[in-house]
N, C-alpha and C. Protein backbone atom coordinates (compact mmCIF):
# COMPACT_ATOMS: atom_id res chain seq x y z
N MET A 1 -26.25 -156.95 95.19
CA MET A 1 -25.93 -157.63 93.89
C MET A 1 -27.03 -158.10 93.21
N ASN A 2 -27.31 -158.45 91.89
CA ASN A 2 -28.20 -158.96 91.26
C ASN A 2 -27.84 -160.65 90.87
N ILE A 3 -28.78 -161.75 91.04
CA ILE A 3 -28.47 -163.04 90.78
C ILE A 3 -29.52 -163.12 89.50
N VAL A 4 -29.16 -163.79 88.27
CA VAL A 4 -30.45 -163.77 87.04
C VAL A 4 -29.99 -164.95 87.19
N LEU A 5 -31.30 -166.04 86.78
CA LEU A 5 -31.43 -167.46 86.59
C LEU A 5 -32.19 -167.68 84.91
N VAL A 6 -31.70 -167.70 83.63
CA VAL A 6 -31.74 -167.74 82.97
C VAL A 6 -32.98 -169.42 82.68
N GLU A 7 -33.90 -169.29 82.62
CA GLU A 7 -35.09 -170.79 82.44
C GLU A 7 -34.42 -171.77 83.19
N PRO A 8 -34.07 -171.44 84.64
CA PRO A 8 -34.16 -172.89 85.38
C PRO A 8 -35.25 -173.65 85.44
N GLU A 9 -34.88 -174.65 85.43
CA GLU A 9 -35.42 -175.92 85.28
C GLU A 9 -35.78 -176.74 86.51
N ILE A 10 -35.05 -176.50 87.52
CA ILE A 10 -34.98 -177.74 88.86
C ILE A 10 -35.41 -176.82 90.22
N PRO A 11 -36.48 -176.96 90.39
CA PRO A 11 -37.11 -176.25 91.64
C PRO A 11 -36.23 -175.90 93.00
N PRO A 12 -35.94 -177.02 93.50
CA PRO A 12 -34.97 -176.95 94.88
C PRO A 12 -33.70 -176.21 94.48
N ASN A 13 -32.76 -176.32 92.99
CA ASN A 13 -31.84 -175.45 93.06
C ASN A 13 -32.39 -174.01 92.86
N THR A 14 -33.39 -173.66 92.36
CA THR A 14 -33.87 -172.18 92.02
C THR A 14 -34.07 -171.66 93.95
N GLY A 15 -34.92 -172.67 94.54
CA GLY A 15 -35.22 -172.22 96.14
C GLY A 15 -33.87 -172.12 96.85
N ASN A 16 -32.69 -173.00 96.78
CA ASN A 16 -31.79 -172.80 97.56
C ASN A 16 -30.78 -171.10 97.08
N VAL A 17 -31.09 -171.16 95.92
CA VAL A 17 -30.62 -169.71 95.13
C VAL A 17 -31.43 -168.29 96.20
N ALA A 18 -33.03 -168.73 96.56
CA ALA A 18 -33.84 -167.64 96.75
C ALA A 18 -33.05 -167.14 98.12
N ARG A 19 -32.85 -168.82 98.82
CA ARG A 19 -32.32 -168.52 100.38
C ARG A 19 -31.15 -167.69 100.63
N LEU A 20 -30.14 -168.06 99.46
CA LEU A 20 -28.79 -167.57 99.69
C LEU A 20 -29.37 -166.00 99.24
N CYS A 21 -30.15 -165.76 98.22
CA CYS A 21 -30.40 -164.17 97.75
C CYS A 21 -30.84 -163.53 99.57
N ALA A 22 -31.85 -163.94 99.85
CA ALA A 22 -32.24 -163.51 101.12
C ALA A 22 -30.97 -163.28 102.10
N ALA A 23 -30.26 -164.71 102.49
CA ALA A 23 -29.23 -164.38 103.37
C ALA A 23 -27.99 -163.26 103.28
N THR A 24 -28.30 -162.96 101.73
CA THR A 24 -27.07 -161.88 101.31
C THR A 24 -27.46 -160.59 101.07
N GLY A 25 -28.96 -160.10 101.22
CA GLY A 25 -29.65 -159.02 100.61
C GLY A 25 -29.57 -158.83 98.75
N SER A 26 -29.41 -160.16 98.18
CA SER A 26 -29.03 -159.91 96.65
C SER A 26 -30.40 -159.98 96.39
N MET A 27 -30.79 -159.38 95.00
CA MET A 27 -32.18 -159.38 94.14
C MET A 27 -31.79 -160.77 93.35
N LEU A 28 -32.91 -161.32 93.37
CA LEU A 28 -33.22 -162.69 92.34
C LEU A 28 -34.22 -162.35 91.31
N HIS A 29 -33.71 -162.60 89.85
CA HIS A 29 -34.12 -162.34 88.69
C HIS A 29 -34.29 -163.32 88.24
N LEU A 30 -35.79 -164.07 87.69
CA LEU A 30 -35.91 -165.34 87.27
C LEU A 30 -36.79 -165.26 85.80
N VAL A 31 -35.70 -165.44 84.76
CA VAL A 31 -35.88 -165.29 83.35
C VAL A 31 -36.19 -166.67 82.97
N GLY A 32 -37.54 -166.25 82.26
CA GLY A 32 -38.52 -167.42 81.55
C GLY A 32 -38.15 -167.87 80.30
N PRO A 33 -38.50 -169.09 79.72
CA PRO A 33 -39.49 -169.70 80.60
C PRO A 33 -39.20 -170.78 81.62
N LEU A 34 -39.65 -170.71 82.62
CA LEU A 34 -39.06 -171.48 83.48
C LEU A 34 -39.42 -173.16 83.33
N GLY A 35 -38.90 -173.90 84.19
CA GLY A 35 -39.03 -175.21 84.20
C GLY A 35 -39.90 -175.44 85.29
N PHE A 36 -40.70 -175.08 85.74
CA PHE A 36 -41.22 -175.32 86.81
C PHE A 36 -42.49 -173.94 86.92
N ARG A 37 -43.54 -174.40 88.24
CA ARG A 37 -44.40 -173.37 88.04
C ARG A 37 -44.24 -172.68 89.59
N LEU A 38 -44.32 -171.25 89.67
CA LEU A 38 -43.77 -170.74 91.06
C LEU A 38 -44.39 -171.38 92.34
N ASP A 39 -45.51 -171.72 92.22
CA ASP A 39 -45.84 -172.15 93.19
C ASP A 39 -45.82 -173.64 93.67
N ASP A 40 -44.53 -174.33 93.11
CA ASP A 40 -44.23 -175.47 92.93
C ASP A 40 -43.94 -175.89 94.37
N ARG A 41 -43.99 -177.13 95.18
CA ARG A 41 -43.72 -177.31 96.46
C ARG A 41 -42.34 -177.65 96.79
N GLU A 42 -41.46 -178.13 95.79
CA GLU A 42 -40.13 -178.23 96.07
C GLU A 42 -39.57 -176.68 95.87
N LEU A 43 -39.81 -176.14 95.10
CA LEU A 43 -39.03 -174.85 95.22
C LEU A 43 -39.60 -173.99 96.55
N LYS A 44 -40.31 -174.07 97.25
CA LYS A 44 -40.69 -173.30 98.61
C LYS A 44 -40.00 -174.16 99.25
N ARG A 45 -40.19 -175.61 99.45
CA ARG A 45 -39.16 -176.34 100.72
C ARG A 45 -37.88 -176.00 100.50
N ALA A 46 -37.12 -175.78 99.41
CA ALA A 46 -35.87 -175.61 99.49
C ALA A 46 -35.41 -174.02 99.77
N GLY A 47 -36.47 -173.32 99.34
CA GLY A 47 -36.12 -171.78 100.15
C GLY A 47 -36.69 -171.62 101.36
N MET A 48 -37.43 -172.77 102.17
CA MET A 48 -37.57 -172.67 103.49
C MET A 48 -38.60 -172.02 103.85
N ASP A 49 -38.33 -170.98 105.15
CA ASP A 49 -39.31 -169.83 104.92
C ASP A 49 -38.88 -168.69 105.06
N TYR A 50 -37.88 -168.67 103.92
CA TYR A 50 -37.05 -167.36 103.54
C TYR A 50 -37.38 -166.52 102.65
N TRP A 51 -38.54 -166.87 101.93
CA TRP A 51 -39.37 -166.52 100.73
C TRP A 51 -39.74 -164.93 101.02
N GLN A 52 -40.17 -165.29 102.37
CA GLN A 52 -40.38 -163.69 102.87
C GLN A 52 -39.62 -162.50 102.70
N TYR A 53 -38.55 -163.07 102.75
CA TYR A 53 -36.87 -162.07 102.80
C TYR A 53 -36.55 -162.14 101.52
N VAL A 54 -36.71 -162.77 100.61
CA VAL A 54 -36.48 -162.55 99.23
C VAL A 54 -36.80 -161.44 98.34
N ILE A 55 -36.21 -160.30 97.72
CA ILE A 55 -36.58 -159.71 96.62
C ILE A 55 -36.05 -160.47 95.73
N TRP A 56 -37.27 -160.30 94.74
CA TRP A 56 -37.29 -161.29 93.61
C TRP A 56 -38.22 -160.54 92.81
N LYS A 57 -37.84 -160.41 91.19
CA LYS A 57 -38.70 -160.74 89.90
C LYS A 57 -38.88 -161.73 88.92
N SER A 58 -39.96 -161.98 88.31
CA SER A 58 -39.78 -162.69 87.19
C SER A 58 -39.95 -162.14 85.89
N TRP A 59 -39.42 -162.16 85.01
CA TRP A 59 -39.30 -161.52 83.49
C TRP A 59 -39.55 -162.91 82.82
N LYS A 60 -40.61 -162.66 81.65
CA LYS A 60 -40.47 -163.34 80.20
C LYS A 60 -39.27 -163.76 79.86
N SER A 61 -38.79 -162.72 80.00
CA SER A 61 -37.14 -163.05 78.19
C SER A 61 -36.40 -162.59 78.90
N TRP A 62 -35.23 -162.40 78.32
CA TRP A 62 -33.91 -161.96 78.87
C TRP A 62 -33.88 -160.49 78.13
N GLU A 63 -34.60 -160.27 77.08
CA GLU A 63 -34.95 -158.92 76.53
C GLU A 63 -35.42 -158.00 77.45
N GLU A 64 -36.76 -158.45 78.35
CA GLU A 64 -37.42 -157.71 79.10
C GLU A 64 -36.33 -157.30 80.07
N LEU A 65 -35.62 -158.20 80.55
CA LEU A 65 -34.76 -157.82 81.70
C LEU A 65 -34.04 -156.83 81.45
N ASN A 66 -33.28 -157.00 80.03
CA ASN A 66 -32.27 -156.41 79.91
C ASN A 66 -32.46 -154.88 79.84
N SER A 67 -33.71 -154.91 79.17
CA SER A 67 -34.27 -153.33 78.71
C SER A 67 -34.30 -152.66 80.49
N LYS A 68 -34.38 -153.13 81.30
CA LYS A 68 -34.18 -152.41 82.57
C LYS A 68 -33.22 -152.61 83.53
N ILE A 69 -31.73 -153.01 82.83
CA ILE A 69 -30.82 -153.12 83.69
C ILE A 69 -29.87 -151.86 83.49
N PRO A 70 -29.54 -151.12 84.21
CA PRO A 70 -29.18 -149.72 84.43
C PRO A 70 -27.69 -149.65 83.89
N THR A 71 -27.67 -148.65 82.74
CA THR A 71 -26.43 -148.80 82.09
C THR A 71 -24.98 -148.64 82.75
N THR A 72 -24.90 -148.31 84.22
CA THR A 72 -24.01 -148.39 85.11
C THR A 72 -23.67 -149.69 85.82
N ALA A 73 -24.65 -150.86 85.32
CA ALA A 73 -24.72 -151.92 86.12
C ALA A 73 -23.63 -153.01 84.97
N GLN A 74 -22.27 -153.54 85.87
CA GLN A 74 -22.11 -154.99 84.92
C GLN A 74 -22.34 -156.04 84.94
N VAL A 75 -22.34 -156.85 83.72
CA VAL A 75 -23.06 -158.22 83.50
C VAL A 75 -22.12 -158.90 83.19
N PHE A 76 -22.50 -160.15 84.23
CA PHE A 76 -21.12 -161.11 84.00
C PHE A 76 -22.18 -162.27 83.90
N LEU A 77 -21.62 -162.97 82.57
CA LEU A 77 -22.19 -164.29 82.52
C LEU A 77 -21.31 -165.36 83.10
N VAL A 78 -22.05 -166.51 83.90
CA VAL A 78 -21.14 -167.57 84.23
C VAL A 78 -21.37 -168.63 83.81
N GLU A 79 -20.40 -169.32 82.75
CA GLU A 79 -20.45 -170.44 81.90
C GLU A 79 -19.01 -170.85 82.07
N ASN A 80 -18.89 -172.16 81.80
CA ASN A 80 -17.78 -172.94 81.38
C ASN A 80 -17.10 -172.96 80.37
N LYS A 81 -17.40 -172.04 79.54
CA LYS A 81 -16.86 -171.90 77.95
C LYS A 81 -15.89 -171.07 77.99
N THR A 82 -14.80 -170.79 78.87
CA THR A 82 -14.23 -169.54 78.94
C THR A 82 -13.00 -169.58 79.66
N GLU A 83 -12.18 -169.35 79.45
CA GLU A 83 -10.44 -169.26 80.55
C GLU A 83 -10.48 -167.89 81.26
N ARG A 84 -11.00 -167.08 81.09
CA ARG A 84 -11.91 -166.09 82.27
C ARG A 84 -12.17 -166.59 83.44
N LEU A 85 -11.60 -166.48 84.51
CA LEU A 85 -12.00 -167.13 85.78
C LEU A 85 -13.17 -165.96 86.62
N TYR A 86 -13.82 -166.41 87.19
CA TYR A 86 -14.73 -165.18 88.21
C TYR A 86 -14.02 -164.49 89.13
N THR A 87 -12.92 -164.70 89.54
CA THR A 87 -11.74 -164.40 90.57
C THR A 87 -11.29 -163.11 89.52
N GLY A 88 -10.97 -163.35 88.19
CA GLY A 88 -9.87 -162.31 87.97
C GLY A 88 -10.60 -161.03 87.19
N VAL A 89 -11.93 -160.96 87.73
CA VAL A 89 -12.73 -159.74 87.37
C VAL A 89 -12.87 -158.35 88.41
N GLN A 90 -13.40 -157.41 88.55
CA GLN A 90 -13.44 -156.38 89.73
C GLN A 90 -15.09 -155.95 89.58
N TYR A 91 -15.76 -156.80 90.54
CA TYR A 91 -17.35 -156.51 90.55
C TYR A 91 -17.36 -155.29 91.51
N ARG A 92 -18.95 -154.58 91.32
CA ARG A 92 -19.40 -153.42 91.85
C ARG A 92 -20.58 -153.81 92.36
N ALA A 93 -20.95 -153.02 93.06
CA ALA A 93 -22.45 -152.89 93.55
C ALA A 93 -23.45 -152.43 92.67
N GLY A 94 -24.25 -153.65 92.35
CA GLY A 94 -25.63 -153.64 91.60
C GLY A 94 -25.30 -154.53 90.40
N ASP A 95 -23.99 -154.82 90.43
CA ASP A 95 -24.04 -156.05 89.05
C ASP A 95 -24.66 -156.92 89.01
N TYR A 96 -24.87 -157.71 87.56
CA TYR A 96 -25.70 -158.49 87.53
C TYR A 96 -24.99 -159.79 87.38
N LEU A 97 -25.31 -160.99 88.10
CA LEU A 97 -24.38 -162.25 87.90
C LEU A 97 -25.57 -163.00 87.58
N VAL A 98 -25.05 -163.50 86.16
CA VAL A 98 -26.19 -164.43 85.13
C VAL A 98 -25.61 -165.64 85.24
N PHE A 99 -26.89 -166.74 85.24
CA PHE A 99 -26.05 -168.24 85.31
C PHE A 99 -27.49 -168.81 84.53
N GLY A 100 -27.30 -169.93 83.57
CA GLY A 100 -27.86 -170.48 82.70
C GLY A 100 -28.86 -171.93 83.37
N ARG A 101 -29.37 -172.68 82.21
CA ARG A 101 -30.12 -173.80 82.70
C ARG A 101 -29.46 -174.79 83.27
N GLU A 102 -29.84 -175.97 84.01
CA GLU A 102 -29.21 -177.03 84.68
C GLU A 102 -28.83 -177.67 83.44
N SER A 103 -29.40 -177.90 82.35
CA SER A 103 -29.50 -178.83 81.45
C SER A 103 -28.57 -178.50 80.32
N ALA A 104 -28.29 -177.18 80.20
CA ALA A 104 -27.49 -176.84 79.06
C ALA A 104 -26.75 -175.57 78.93
N GLY A 105 -26.84 -174.96 80.26
CA GLY A 105 -26.14 -173.46 80.63
C GLY A 105 -26.89 -172.36 79.90
N LEU A 106 -25.81 -171.01 79.78
CA LEU A 106 -26.59 -170.01 78.96
C LEU A 106 -27.06 -170.53 77.30
N PRO A 107 -27.86 -169.46 76.65
CA PRO A 107 -27.88 -169.60 75.16
C PRO A 107 -26.95 -169.38 74.71
N VAL A 108 -26.50 -169.68 73.25
CA VAL A 108 -25.29 -169.25 72.47
C VAL A 108 -25.43 -167.91 72.27
N SER A 109 -26.38 -167.64 71.84
CA SER A 109 -26.92 -166.17 71.43
C SER A 109 -26.85 -165.08 72.39
N LEU A 110 -26.70 -165.41 73.61
CA LEU A 110 -26.44 -164.70 75.06
C LEU A 110 -24.47 -164.84 75.06
N LEU A 111 -23.97 -165.83 74.92
CA LEU A 111 -22.82 -165.86 75.30
C LEU A 111 -22.02 -165.15 74.32
N GLU A 112 -22.86 -164.94 72.94
CA GLU A 112 -22.01 -164.46 71.94
C GLU A 112 -22.06 -162.85 72.05
N ARG A 113 -23.16 -162.37 72.28
CA ARG A 113 -23.50 -161.02 72.47
C ARG A 113 -22.83 -160.49 74.00
N TYR A 114 -22.22 -161.35 74.95
CA TYR A 114 -21.68 -160.88 76.23
C TYR A 114 -20.34 -161.71 76.09
N ARG A 115 -19.64 -161.66 75.30
CA ARG A 115 -18.70 -162.31 75.08
C ARG A 115 -17.16 -161.87 75.76
N ASP A 116 -17.12 -160.76 76.42
CA ASP A 116 -16.47 -159.98 76.56
C ASP A 116 -16.63 -160.04 78.28
N SER A 117 -17.80 -160.65 78.63
CA SER A 117 -17.97 -160.45 80.04
C SER A 117 -18.88 -161.96 80.43
N VAL A 118 -17.85 -162.97 79.54
CA VAL A 118 -18.03 -164.21 80.36
C VAL A 118 -17.33 -164.53 81.24
N VAL A 119 -17.48 -165.52 82.50
CA VAL A 119 -16.69 -165.55 83.19
C VAL A 119 -16.67 -167.20 83.89
N ALA A 120 -15.84 -167.98 84.21
CA ALA A 120 -16.03 -169.33 84.71
C ALA A 120 -15.53 -169.75 86.23
N ILE A 121 -15.87 -170.80 86.38
CA ILE A 121 -15.47 -171.37 88.01
C ILE A 121 -14.52 -172.44 87.11
N PRO A 122 -13.18 -172.48 87.81
CA PRO A 122 -12.59 -173.92 87.30
C PRO A 122 -13.03 -175.07 88.12
N GLN A 123 -13.11 -176.33 87.14
CA GLN A 123 -13.12 -177.62 87.51
C GLN A 123 -11.75 -178.12 87.06
N PHE A 124 -11.35 -178.98 88.43
CA PHE A 124 -9.94 -179.75 88.11
C PHE A 124 -10.02 -181.20 87.61
N ASN A 125 -11.36 -181.51 87.53
CA ASN A 125 -11.57 -182.89 86.65
C ASN A 125 -12.26 -183.02 85.30
N PRO A 126 -11.41 -183.10 84.58
CA PRO A 126 -11.91 -182.59 82.99
C PRO A 126 -13.23 -184.00 82.37
N GLN A 127 -13.30 -185.16 83.48
CA GLN A 127 -14.62 -186.02 83.13
C GLN A 127 -15.65 -185.56 83.79
N THR A 128 -15.64 -183.93 84.66
CA THR A 128 -17.18 -183.45 84.80
C THR A 128 -17.35 -182.13 84.18
N ARG A 129 -18.94 -182.21 83.87
CA ARG A 129 -19.45 -181.22 83.00
C ARG A 129 -19.65 -180.08 83.49
N SER A 130 -20.08 -179.94 84.82
CA SER A 130 -20.40 -178.91 85.34
C SER A 130 -20.66 -179.04 86.86
N LEU A 131 -21.06 -177.70 87.48
CA LEU A 131 -21.13 -177.89 88.96
C LEU A 131 -22.68 -177.38 89.51
N ASN A 132 -22.97 -177.98 90.38
CA ASN A 132 -24.75 -177.49 90.54
C ASN A 132 -24.68 -176.06 90.53
N LEU A 133 -26.30 -176.03 89.99
CA LEU A 133 -26.43 -174.36 89.64
C LEU A 133 -26.19 -173.51 91.27
N SER A 134 -26.63 -174.18 92.12
CA SER A 134 -26.71 -173.24 93.34
C SER A 134 -25.47 -172.67 93.77
N ASN A 135 -24.81 -173.82 93.93
CA ASN A 135 -23.35 -173.88 94.35
C ASN A 135 -22.60 -172.88 93.64
N CYS A 136 -22.80 -172.72 92.25
CA CYS A 136 -21.94 -171.88 91.28
C CYS A 136 -22.57 -170.39 91.90
N VAL A 137 -23.74 -170.10 92.16
CA VAL A 137 -24.16 -168.96 92.43
C VAL A 137 -23.60 -168.41 93.69
N ALA A 138 -23.72 -169.22 94.59
CA ALA A 138 -22.84 -169.12 95.62
C ALA A 138 -21.27 -168.72 95.86
N ILE A 139 -20.79 -169.53 95.06
CA ILE A 139 -19.26 -169.40 94.93
C ILE A 139 -19.26 -167.99 94.16
N VAL A 140 -19.84 -167.77 93.05
CA VAL A 140 -19.55 -166.08 92.44
C VAL A 140 -19.95 -165.28 93.27
N LEU A 141 -20.86 -165.32 93.89
CA LEU A 141 -21.49 -164.33 94.75
C LEU A 141 -20.90 -163.72 95.57
N TYR A 142 -20.31 -164.91 96.58
CA TYR A 142 -19.62 -164.31 97.75
C TYR A 142 -18.15 -163.74 97.04
N GLU A 143 -17.51 -163.99 96.19
CA GLU A 143 -16.59 -163.21 95.65
C GLU A 143 -16.98 -162.30 95.34
N ALA A 144 -17.92 -162.00 94.70
CA ALA A 144 -18.07 -159.96 94.26
C ALA A 144 -18.69 -159.52 95.68
N LEU A 145 -19.37 -160.08 96.45
CA LEU A 145 -19.82 -159.29 98.07
C LEU A 145 -18.31 -159.09 98.57
N ARG A 146 -17.58 -160.43 98.60
CA ARG A 146 -16.10 -159.88 99.57
C ARG A 146 -15.37 -158.92 98.86
N GLN A 147 -15.21 -158.72 97.33
CA GLN A 147 -14.94 -157.43 96.67
C GLN A 147 -15.56 -156.18 97.04
N VAL A 148 -17.00 -156.37 97.10
CA VAL A 148 -17.81 -155.32 97.32
C VAL A 148 -17.77 -154.78 98.55
N ARG A 149 -18.22 -155.86 99.56
CA ARG A 149 -18.40 -155.25 100.87
C ARG A 149 -16.78 -155.32 101.81
N ASP A 150 -15.41 -155.52 100.93
CA ASP A 150 -14.30 -155.86 101.56
C ASP A 150 -14.47 -156.32 103.06
N PHE A 151 -15.39 -157.72 103.36
CA PHE A 151 -14.85 -158.46 104.31
C PHE A 151 -13.96 -159.75 104.15
C-alpha cells in the first residue's frame, strides 16, 4: 500500500506513520510543504530505528506525486467530511491512502477533485473534531491490508 501525508505538520506523527510503514511494508509519500525539516530530531525519535526499513519519497506538491500514480491504482482520501466509511470500499494492492494536515485536513480543491474517493473513520462523539493522524493511518491501512492480504 502507499501512504500519502499531504503537508504534515507534526514530526512525531510522521515518525509514527513511518514506523507503521516499515512494519507493514507500505511506501510513505510526504507531500510538501512540510511543517518540519526531514532531519528533525522528534521525527527521527518517533520513527525510532525503523527509518532504515522505510521506503519513502518526498514530493514538492500533490501534482508532482499525482503525475506518478499509476492509472491502475485507486486513490482514497481520508477525511471526516463524508458519510462513506473507510470500511465500505474495496482496496487493492498498490492503492494510495491520502491523509491531510493535522490542523486542517486535506485541501478543499483536492477533496472536490476526488469527491467520489473520500472515505471517513466514524467518530461517535460529536464534540470531537478529529482523531490523531497516525491513528487514522493505522486504522485505514490495516483495513486495506486485511482485505488485500486476507489475514
